[in-house]
Amino acid sequence: MQRNATTQFPILLVHGLFGFDRIGGFELFHGIKQALRAGGARVFIPYLSAPHCNEARGEQLLVQIDRVLAGTGAARVNLIGHSQGALTARYAAALAPEKVASVTSVSGPNHGSELADFLRKALTPGRLPGHVARGVATLFADFISLLDGQEHLPPTAVAALATLTTEGVGAFNDKYPQGLPKNWGGNGPERVNGVRYYSWSGTLPEATEEELEPSQVFCRAFSEYFITEAGQNDGLVGRFSSHLGKVIRSDYPMDHMETINPGDGTLRKGTAPTAPNPTELYLRHAERLRKAGL
């Protein structure tokens, strides 16, 4: 069935950490941008600095929002941010709510990431046993190599990780609390300063006998480093840590990378049969925004 994605305001799909435009051979937000446009939406993907702090990326996003507004004649934009892109979008909305109609967090570390906490310790000499630190640092570097071809973990990535830790995001939240739930695991205010806030995310599905794709293997390996949200995470972000505004759902059977659909829109190998098509989630959300007059 053809979805009506004709939102009143343009949609900006905001990418997360490292700013890669391709993931494992697939275009960023593969299929999502095209599907939204086919449904009638005006869609843009702002390319921001690769690894950088939330505020710096947010300032870059504000510049690109102005360009979209000038180019389209629209009064505001809808921001949909994946992973760190959610924090980037939150910053832009906090500083310029008159330009932002909605912020949607997709697998965003809105309360920090336990994986980032562990990696930060691993990259700080003496914080963890040597073999443990080397193991997780190597694993993460291999993950980055899979995503964007970098053979080593760049220094800027190490600095960016600090902004995604529980402590780093906590400091960010003190300054920009819009949309955050008052109680752990709950919903946040749906509307703040005229901006609507939404979120959705996933948790690792049960292992199948199917051969897993590389990104799925990494997400399962990273999941072992979660303690507070053990068994309740997508490999990079905890389920309840992702909550922001109106929580549409935070336990879709999908890992962190599947929520940006790095594939052809069909279920990937090893994906749970009950997992939704990621593109469909974005189309449904565009309809949700349209019905809300956004």
Protein backbone atom coordinates (compact mmCIF):
# COMPACT_ATOMS: atom_id res chain seq x y z
CA MET A 1 0.00 0.00 0.00
CA GLN A 2 1.37 3.41 -0.98
CA ARG A 3 2.02 5.53 2.10
CA ASN A 4 1.19 9.23 2.17
CA ALA A 5 4.38 10.83 3.47
CA THR A 6 3.49 14.36 2.40
CA THR A 7 4.52 16.15 5.56
CA GLN A 8 3.98 19.88 5.85
CA PHE A 9 7.65 20.48 6.63
CA PRO A 10 10.75 18.93 5.01
CA ILE A 11 12.39 15.93 6.67
CA LEU A 12 16.10 15.90 7.48
CA LEU A 13 17.63 12.47 8.14
CA VAL A 14 20.53 13.13 10.51
CA HIS A 15 23.29 10.53 10.59
CA GLY A 16 25.22 9.50 13.66
CA LEU A 17 28.83 9.05 14.70
CA PHE A 18 31.52 8.92 11.97
CA GLY A 19 29.30 10.41 9.27
CA PHE A 20 29.87 7.62 6.79
CA ASP A 21 27.75 7.91 3.67
CA ARG A 22 27.91 4.21 2.98
CA ILE A 23 27.66 1.28 5.38
CA GLY A 24 29.04 -2.08 4.34
CA GLY A 25 28.56 -1.18 0.68
CA PHE A 26 25.12 0.36 1.11
CA GLU A 27 24.06 3.99 0.97
CA LEU A 28 23.30 5.74 4.25
CA PHE A 29 19.56 5.48 5.03
CA HIS A 30 19.41 3.13 2.06
CA GLY A 31 15.94 3.01 0.59
CA ILE A 32 14.48 5.27 3.27
CA LYS A 33 15.12 8.57 1.53
CA GLN A 34 13.77 7.24 -1.76
CA ALA A 35 10.67 5.71 -0.14
CA LEU A 36 9.85 8.92 1.71
CA ARG A 37 10.24 10.95 -1.46
CA ALA A 38 8.06 8.50 -3.37
CA GLY A 39 5.43 9.05 -0.66
CA GLY A 40 5.51 12.80 -1.25
CA ALA A 41 7.97 14.02 1.39
CA ARG A 42 10.75 16.51 0.80
CA VAL A 43 13.80 14.74 2.22
CA PHE A 44 17.37 15.87 2.80
CA ILE A 45 20.42 14.23 4.37
CA PRO A 46 22.76 16.77 5.96
CA TYR A 47 26.32 15.48 6.06
CA LEU A 48 28.00 16.54 9.28
CA SER A 49 31.51 16.16 10.68
CA ALA A 50 32.43 12.54 11.12
CA PRO A 51 33.41 12.07 14.76
CA HIS A 52 32.72 15.23 16.69
CA CYS A 53 30.95 16.42 19.85
CA ASN A 54 27.18 16.87 19.95
CA GLU A 55 27.31 20.67 20.11
CA ALA A 56 29.70 21.05 17.17
CA ARG A 57 27.61 18.75 15.00
CA GLY A 58 24.50 20.60 16.15
CA GLU A 59 25.94 23.93 15.02
CA GLN A 60 26.66 22.40 11.60
CA LEU A 61 23.11 21.10 11.45
CA LEU A 62 21.69 24.55 12.23
CA VAL A 63 23.55 25.96 9.21
CA GLN A 64 22.12 23.26 6.96
CA ILE A 65 18.63 23.75 8.36
CA ASP A 66 18.85 27.38 7.26
CA ARG A 67 19.87 26.25 3.78
CA VAL A 68 16.92 23.87 3.53
CA LEU A 69 14.50 26.53 4.74
CA ALA A 70 15.89 29.05 2.25
CA GLY A 71 15.79 26.53 -0.59
CA THR A 72 12.30 25.18 0.06
CA GLY A 73 10.55 28.23 1.47
CA ALA A 74 9.40 26.10 4.41
CA ALA A 75 9.05 27.65 7.86
CA ARG A 76 10.37 24.68 9.84
CA VAL A 77 11.84 21.19 9.44
CA ASN A 78 11.29 17.71 10.89
CA LEU A 79 14.51 16.18 12.21
CA ILE A 80 14.94 12.40 12.39
CA GLY A 81 18.27 11.51 13.97
CA HIS A 82 19.84 8.08 14.17
CA SER A 83 22.22 7.28 17.04
CA GLN A 84 24.32 10.40 17.82
CA GLY A 85 22.22 12.15 15.18
CA ALA A 86 19.42 12.22 17.77
CA LEU A 87 21.59 14.31 20.12
CA THR A 88 22.59 16.53 17.22
CA ALA A 89 18.93 17.09 16.39
CA ARG A 90 18.06 17.76 20.03
CA TYR A 91 20.73 20.47 20.19
CA ALA A 92 19.40 22.19 17.07
CA ALA A 93 15.83 22.10 18.40
CA ALA A 94 16.89 23.45 21.79
CA LEU A 95 18.70 26.41 20.25
CA ALA A 96 16.26 27.18 17.42
CA PRO A 97 12.83 25.73 18.30
CA GLU A 98 11.18 28.18 15.89
CA LYS A 99 12.90 26.36 13.01
CA VAL A 100 12.18 22.79 14.14
CA ALA A 101 8.73 21.22 14.03
CA SER A 102 9.74 17.83 15.45
CA VAL A 103 12.67 15.77 16.66
CA THR A 104 12.58 12.01 16.31
CA SER A 105 15.26 9.88 17.94
CA VAL A 106 15.97 6.53 16.27
CA SER A 107 18.20 4.37 18.47
CA GLY A 108 19.57 7.52 20.08
CA PRO A 109 21.75 7.34 23.22
CA ASN A 110 19.64 9.95 24.98
CA HIS A 111 20.91 8.87 28.39
CA GLY A 112 24.34 7.72 27.22
CA SER A 113 25.65 4.38 26.05
CA GLU A 114 27.06 1.68 28.30
CA LEU A 115 29.22 0.57 25.40
CA ALA A 116 30.73 4.08 25.19
CA ASP A 117 31.37 3.90 28.94
CA PHE A 118 33.25 0.64 28.55
CA LEU A 119 35.19 1.80 25.49
CA ARG A 120 36.21 4.98 27.29
CA LYS A 121 37.63 2.90 30.12
CA ALA A 122 39.37 0.61 27.64
CA LEU A 123 41.06 3.58 25.96
CA THR A 124 42.21 5.08 29.28
CA PRO A 125 45.45 3.39 30.42
CA GLY A 126 45.10 1.46 33.64
CA ARG A 127 41.31 1.50 33.84
CA LEU A 128 40.85 -2.11 32.68
CA PRO A 129 43.04 -5.21 32.52
CA GLY A 130 45.27 -4.95 29.46
CA HIS A 131 43.88 -7.90 27.58
CA VAL A 132 40.29 -6.73 28.16
CA ALA A 133 41.09 -3.20 27.00
CA ARG A 134 42.88 -4.43 23.90
CA GLY A 135 40.07 -6.81 23.07
CA VAL A 136 37.24 -4.28 23.10
CA ALA A 137 39.33 -1.52 21.47
CA THR A 138 40.30 -3.87 18.64
CA LEU A 139 36.71 -5.00 18.25
CA PHE A 140 35.50 -1.42 17.95
CA ALA A 141 38.27 -0.48 15.52
CA ASP A 142 37.33 -3.48 13.36
CA PHE A 143 33.70 -2.30 13.47
CA ILE A 144 34.71 1.17 12.23
CA SER A 145 36.77 -0.45 9.49
CA LEU A 146 33.68 -2.36 8.38
CA LEU A 147 31.63 0.83 8.25
CA ASP A 148 33.90 3.34 6.59
CA GLY A 149 37.18 1.65 5.71
CA GLN A 150 39.27 3.26 8.48
CA GLU A 151 41.91 0.77 9.52
CA HIS A 152 42.53 2.36 12.91
CA LEU A 153 40.39 4.14 15.47
CA PRO A 154 41.01 7.85 14.71
CA PRO A 155 41.85 10.18 17.63
CA THR A 156 38.74 12.27 16.91
CA ALA A 157 36.63 9.15 17.38
CA VAL A 158 38.11 8.65 20.84
CA ALA A 159 37.19 12.23 21.75
CA ALA A 160 33.68 11.79 20.34
CA LEU A 161 33.15 8.68 22.46
CA ALA A 162 33.46 10.80 25.59
CA THR A 163 30.39 12.80 24.55
CA LEU A 164 28.36 9.57 24.24
CA THR A 165 29.17 8.12 27.65
CA THR A 166 26.65 8.22 30.46
CA GLU A 167 28.63 11.07 32.00
CA GLY A 168 29.04 12.96 28.73
CA VAL A 169 25.39 12.73 27.76
CA GLY A 170 24.39 13.55 31.33
CA ALA A 171 26.21 16.87 31.04
CA PHE A 172 24.57 17.45 27.66
CA ASN A 173 21.15 16.67 29.15
CA ASP A 174 21.67 19.17 31.96
CA LYS A 175 21.86 21.90 29.30
CA TYR A 176 19.34 20.50 26.81
CA PRO A 177 16.67 18.47 28.68
CA GLN A 178 13.84 18.98 26.18
CA GLY A 179 11.84 15.78 25.64
CA LEU A 180 13.60 13.72 28.30
CA PRO A 181 11.44 11.48 30.55
CA LYS A 182 11.39 12.32 34.25
CA ASN A 183 11.35 8.64 35.18
CA TRP A 184 13.72 6.00 33.85
CA GLY A 185 12.07 3.95 31.13
CA GLY A 186 9.10 6.28 30.77
CA ASN A 187 7.87 8.72 28.15
CA GLY A 188 9.05 12.30 28.05
CA PRO A 189 6.95 15.36 27.29
CA GLU A 190 5.71 15.12 23.73
CA ARG A 191 5.81 18.86 23.12
CA VAL A 192 8.34 21.40 24.40
CA ASN A 193 8.69 24.97 23.14
CA GLY A 194 6.47 24.08 20.20
CA VAL A 195 8.65 21.13 19.13
CA ARG A 196 7.21 17.59 19.09
CA TYR A 197 9.49 14.82 20.40
CA TYR A 198 9.32 11.13 19.43
CA SER A 199 11.56 8.08 19.67
CA TRP A 200 11.86 4.45 18.67
CA SER A 201 14.61 1.82 18.92
CA GLY A 202 15.21 -1.90 19.03
CA THR A 203 16.71 -4.73 21.02
CA LEU A 204 18.78 -7.61 19.76
CA PRO A 205 16.50 -10.38 18.50
CA GLU A 206 17.06 -13.94 19.61
CA ALA A 207 19.89 -15.66 17.82
CA THR A 208 18.89 -17.70 14.81
CA GLU A 209 20.57 -20.51 12.95
CA GLU A 210 20.93 -18.21 9.96
CA GLU A 211 24.37 -16.89 9.11
CA LEU A 212 24.72 -13.38 10.55
CA GLU A 213 25.98 -10.45 8.55
CA PRO A 214 29.15 -8.70 9.84
CA SER A 215 27.37 -5.73 11.44
CA GLN A 216 25.03 -8.12 13.25
CA VAL A 217 28.01 -10.08 14.58
CA PHE A 218 29.55 -6.88 15.95
CA CYS A 219 26.30 -5.75 17.59
CA ARG A 220 25.99 -9.09 19.37
CA ALA A 221 29.60 -8.89 20.53
CA PHE A 222 29.15 -5.32 21.82
CA SER A 223 25.99 -6.35 23.66
CA GLU A 224 28.11 -8.40 26.07
CA TYR A 225 29.49 -5.18 27.58
CA PHE A 226 26.11 -3.94 28.84
CA ILE A 227 25.33 -4.35 32.53
CA THR A 228 22.40 -2.09 33.46
CA GLU A 229 20.57 -2.92 30.26
CA ALA A 230 21.91 -6.41 29.69
CA GLY A 231 19.59 -8.19 27.28
CA GLN A 232 17.76 -4.90 26.69
CA ASN A 233 19.95 -3.20 24.09
CA ASP A 234 20.57 -3.12 20.35
CA GLY A 235 24.30 -3.71 20.66
CA LEU A 236 25.27 -0.05 20.94
CA VAL A 237 22.43 1.65 22.83
CA GLY A 238 20.25 0.46 25.70
CA ARG A 239 16.50 0.25 25.22
CA PHE A 240 15.50 2.61 28.02
CA SER A 241 18.47 4.87 27.40
CA SER A 242 16.93 5.63 24.01
CA HIS A 243 13.65 7.00 25.35
CA LEU A 244 12.71 10.54 24.34
CA GLY A 245 9.35 12.28 24.10
CA LYS A 246 6.57 9.98 22.94
CA VAL A 247 8.08 6.50 22.80
CA ILE A 248 6.60 4.74 19.81
CA ARG A 249 8.34 1.48 20.70
CA SER A 250 11.77 0.62 22.08
CA ASP A 251 11.92 -3.15 21.61
CA TYR A 252 11.62 -3.73 17.89
CA PRO A 253 13.58 -6.94 17.19
CA MET A 254 16.35 -5.07 15.38
CA ASP A 255 19.97 -4.25 16.11
CA HIS A 256 21.48 -0.77 16.00
CA MET A 257 22.42 -0.84 12.33
CA GLU A 258 19.14 -2.33 11.12
CA THR A 259 17.22 0.78 12.19
CA ILE A 260 18.81 2.71 9.31
CA ASN A 261 18.16 -0.11 6.88
CA PRO A 262 21.64 -0.82 5.50
CA GLY A 263 20.30 -3.13 2.81
CA ASP A 264 17.77 -3.48 0.06
CA GLY A 265 14.70 -3.22 2.28
CA THR A 266 14.28 -6.96 2.68
CA LEU A 267 15.10 -8.89 5.83
CA ARG A 268 18.82 -9.42 6.17
CA LYS A 269 20.32 -12.81 6.94
CA GLY A 270 19.90 -13.60 10.60
CA THR A 271 17.15 -11.01 11.08
CA ALA A 272 14.18 -12.04 13.20
CA PRO A 273 11.16 -13.02 11.06
CA THR A 274 9.02 -10.69 13.19
CA ALA A 275 11.28 -7.68 12.58
CA PRO A 276 9.58 -4.84 10.73
CA ASN A 277 10.99 -3.46 7.53
CA PRO A 278 12.92 -0.37 8.71
CA THR A 279 11.75 1.66 5.73
CA GLU A 280 8.16 0.99 6.73
CA LEU A 281 8.83 2.48 10.17
CA TYR A 282 9.97 5.74 8.60
CA LEU A 283 6.97 5.82 6.26
CA ARG A 284 4.59 5.23 9.16
CA HIS A 285 6.28 8.00 11.06
CA ALA A 286 5.98 10.41 8.14
CA GLU A 287 2.25 9.67 8.17
CA ARG A 288 2.23 10.32 11.92
CA LEU A 289 3.90 13.67 11.39
CA ARG A 290 1.52 14.56 8.57
CA LYS A 291 -1.53 13.77 10.71
CA ALA A 292 -0.07 15.96 13.47
CA GLY A 293 0.14 18.84 11.02
CA LEU A 294 3.90 18.63 10.81
